[in-house]
Amino acid sequence: GFRYYVVGSCEFNSSKLNDIEFTLSYYYNKLEYIRFSSSVGKYVGYTEHGIKNAERWNNGPEVITSRGEKGRYCFRNAGVFTESALTKS
């Protein structure tokens, strides 16, 4: 069969917004074909299909939505994760 999946992640050293990086990677059959990174600020394609999608998504509402995820998802939860980890160690 074929496998398609998306992985979103937040990497951070502190709960400050500048120390957080949000990435959103799209995979097909274990091959990453496109990724959004908040440090780059746009989608980057790694295959022919990914490059075409990156061009389209970078000129549409998808890139604006993904840029907001760093603050909406990562920043909001970084404090919760940090506090939880520090109180249990």
C-alpha atoms as a PDB file:
ATOM      1  CA  GLY A   1       0.000   0.000   0.000  1.00  0.00           C
ATOM      2  CA  PHE A   2       0.831   3.662  -0.091  1.00  0.00           C
ATOM      3  CA  ARG A   3       1.508   5.793   2.972  1.00  0.00           C
ATOM      4  CA  TYR A   4       0.863   9.507   3.242  1.00  0.00           C
ATOM      5  CA  TYR A   5       1.383  11.304   6.532  1.00  0.00           C
ATOM      6  CA  VAL A   6       2.167  14.713   7.963  1.00  0.00           C
ATOM      7  CA  VAL A   7       4.393  15.376  10.974  1.00  0.00           C
ATOM      8  CA  GLY A   8       4.254  18.675  12.854  1.00  0.00           C
ATOM      9  CA  SER A   9       6.816  19.419  15.528  1.00  0.00           C
ATOM     10  CA  CYS A  10       7.939  22.161  17.870  1.00  0.00           C
ATOM     11  CA  GLU A  11      11.563  22.369  18.958  1.00  0.00           C
ATOM     12  CA  PHE A  12      12.436  24.756  21.748  1.00  0.00           C
ATOM     13  CA  ASN A  13      15.038  25.520  24.402  1.00  0.00           C
ATOM     14  CA  SER A  14      12.811  27.882  26.363  1.00  0.00           C
ATOM     15  CA  SER A  15       9.247  29.151  26.269  1.00  0.00           C
ATOM     16  CA  LYS A  16      10.319  32.381  24.509  1.00  0.00           C
ATOM     17  CA  LEU A  17       8.866  32.732  21.017  1.00  0.00           C
ATOM     18  CA  ASN A  18      12.291  33.397  19.457  1.00  0.00           C
ATOM     19  CA  ASP A  19      13.639  30.083  20.812  1.00  0.00           C
ATOM     20  CA  ILE A  20      10.918  28.006  19.159  1.00  0.00           C
ATOM     21  CA  GLU A  21      10.996  26.416  15.711  1.00  0.00           C
ATOM     22  CA  PHE A  22       7.881  24.929  14.143  1.00  0.00           C
ATOM     23  CA  THR A  23       8.234  22.406  11.313  1.00  0.00           C
ATOM     24  CA  LEU A  24       5.563  20.698   9.255  1.00  0.00           C
ATOM     25  CA  SER A  25       6.789  17.832   7.054  1.00  0.00           C
ATOM     26  CA  TYR A  26       4.793  15.919   4.442  1.00  0.00           C
ATOM     27  CA  TYR A  27       5.772  12.337   3.588  1.00  0.00           C
ATOM     28  CA  TYR A  28       4.763   9.867   0.922  1.00  0.00           C
ATOM     29  CA  ASN A  29       6.049   6.289   1.227  1.00  0.00           C
ATOM     30  CA  LYS A  30       8.606   7.357   3.861  1.00  0.00           C
ATOM     31  CA  LEU A  31      10.065  10.064   1.585  1.00  0.00           C
ATOM     32  CA  GLU A  32       9.752  13.663   2.761  1.00  0.00           C
ATOM     33  CA  TYR A  33       8.653  15.690  -0.241  1.00  0.00           C
ATOM     34  CA  ILE A  34       7.840  19.107   1.268  1.00  0.00           C
ATOM     35  CA  ARG A  35       8.512  20.936   4.544  1.00  0.00           C
ATOM     36  CA  PHE A  36       7.520  24.184   6.193  1.00  0.00           C
ATOM     37  CA  SER A  37       9.978  25.578   8.719  1.00  0.00           C
ATOM     38  CA  SER A  38       9.284  28.685  10.777  1.00  0.00           C
ATOM     39  CA  SER A  39      12.984  29.589  10.656  1.00  0.00           C
ATOM     40  CA  VAL A  40      12.831  29.681   6.828  1.00  0.00           C
ATOM     41  CA  GLY A  41       9.286  31.094   6.776  1.00  0.00           C
ATOM     42  CA  LYS A  42       8.121  29.209   3.708  1.00  0.00           C
ATOM     43  CA  TYR A  43       7.616  25.768   2.207  1.00  0.00           C
ATOM     44  CA  VAL A  44      10.572  24.001   0.591  1.00  0.00           C
ATOM     45  CA  GLY A  45      10.086  21.097  -1.810  1.00  0.00           C
ATOM     46  CA  TYR A  46      12.459  18.129  -2.010  1.00  0.00           C
ATOM     47  CA  THR A  47      10.947  16.257  -4.955  1.00  0.00           C
ATOM     48  CA  GLU A  48       9.439  17.376  -8.248  1.00  0.00           C
ATOM     49  CA  HIS A  49       5.942  17.136  -6.755  1.00  0.00           C
ATOM     50  CA  GLY A  50       7.084  18.902  -3.562  1.00  0.00           C
ATOM     51  CA  ILE A  51       8.680  21.777  -5.476  1.00  0.00           C
ATOM     52  CA  LYS A  52       5.465  22.368  -7.436  1.00  0.00           C
ATOM     53  CA  ASN A  53       3.383  22.331  -4.247  1.00  0.00           C
ATOM     54  CA  ALA A  54       5.855  24.606  -2.447  1.00  0.00           C
ATOM     55  CA  GLU A  55       5.574  27.223  -5.187  1.00  0.00           C
ATOM     56  CA  ARG A  56       1.777  27.098  -5.045  1.00  0.00           C
ATOM     57  CA  TRP A  57       1.535  27.033  -1.223  1.00  0.00           C
ATOM     58  CA  ASN A  58       4.046  29.872  -0.794  1.00  0.00           C
ATOM     59  CA  ASN A  59       1.804  32.082  -2.950  1.00  0.00           C
ATOM     60  CA  GLY A  60      -1.432  31.128  -1.215  1.00  0.00           C
ATOM     61  CA  PRO A  61      -3.063  31.182   2.208  1.00  0.00           C
ATOM     62  CA  GLU A  62      -1.275  27.973   3.284  1.00  0.00           C
ATOM     63  CA  VAL A  63       1.984  29.775   4.071  1.00  0.00           C
ATOM     64  CA  ILE A  64       0.212  32.431   6.157  1.00  0.00           C
ATOM     65  CA  THR A  65      -1.598  29.745   8.147  1.00  0.00           C
ATOM     66  CA  SER A  66       1.623  27.802   8.742  1.00  0.00           C
ATOM     67  CA  ARG A  67       3.483  30.918   9.876  1.00  0.00           C
ATOM     68  CA  GLY A  68       0.833  31.395  12.557  1.00  0.00           C
ATOM     69  CA  GLU A  69       1.225  27.867  13.910  1.00  0.00           C
ATOM     70  CA  LYS A  70       4.450  28.738  15.740  1.00  0.00           C
ATOM     71  CA  GLY A  71       2.563  31.149  17.975  1.00  0.00           C
ATOM     72  CA  ARG A  72      -0.767  29.338  18.052  1.00  0.00           C
ATOM     73  CA  TYR A  73       0.416  25.813  18.692  1.00  0.00           C
ATOM     74  CA  CYS A  74       4.070  25.824  19.775  1.00  0.00           C
ATOM     75  CA  PHE A  75       4.212  28.960  21.928  1.00  0.00           C
ATOM     76  CA  ARG A  76       0.941  28.150  23.652  1.00  0.00           C
ATOM     77  CA  ASN A  77       2.080  24.636  24.573  1.00  0.00           C
ATOM     78  CA  ALA A  78       5.804  25.247  25.230  1.00  0.00           C
ATOM     79  CA  GLY A  79       5.115  26.673  28.671  1.00  0.00           C
ATOM     80  CA  VAL A  80       2.905  23.724  29.558  1.00  0.00           C
ATOM     81  CA  PHE A  81       5.473  21.157  28.380  1.00  0.00           C
ATOM     82  CA  THR A  82       8.380  22.969  30.057  1.00  0.00           C
ATOM     83  CA  GLU A  83       6.587  23.306  33.382  1.00  0.00           C
ATOM     84  CA  SER A  84       5.454  19.682  33.273  1.00  0.00           C
ATOM     85  CA  ALA A  85       8.966  18.391  32.534  1.00  0.00           C
ATOM     86  CA  LEU A  86      10.637  20.559  35.182  1.00  0.00           C
ATOM     87  CA  THR A  87       8.259  19.550  37.959  1.00  0.00           C
ATOM     88  CA  LYS A  88       8.746  15.832  37.255  1.00  0.00           C
ATOM     89  CA  SER A  89      12.553  15.739  37.028  1.00  0.00           C
END
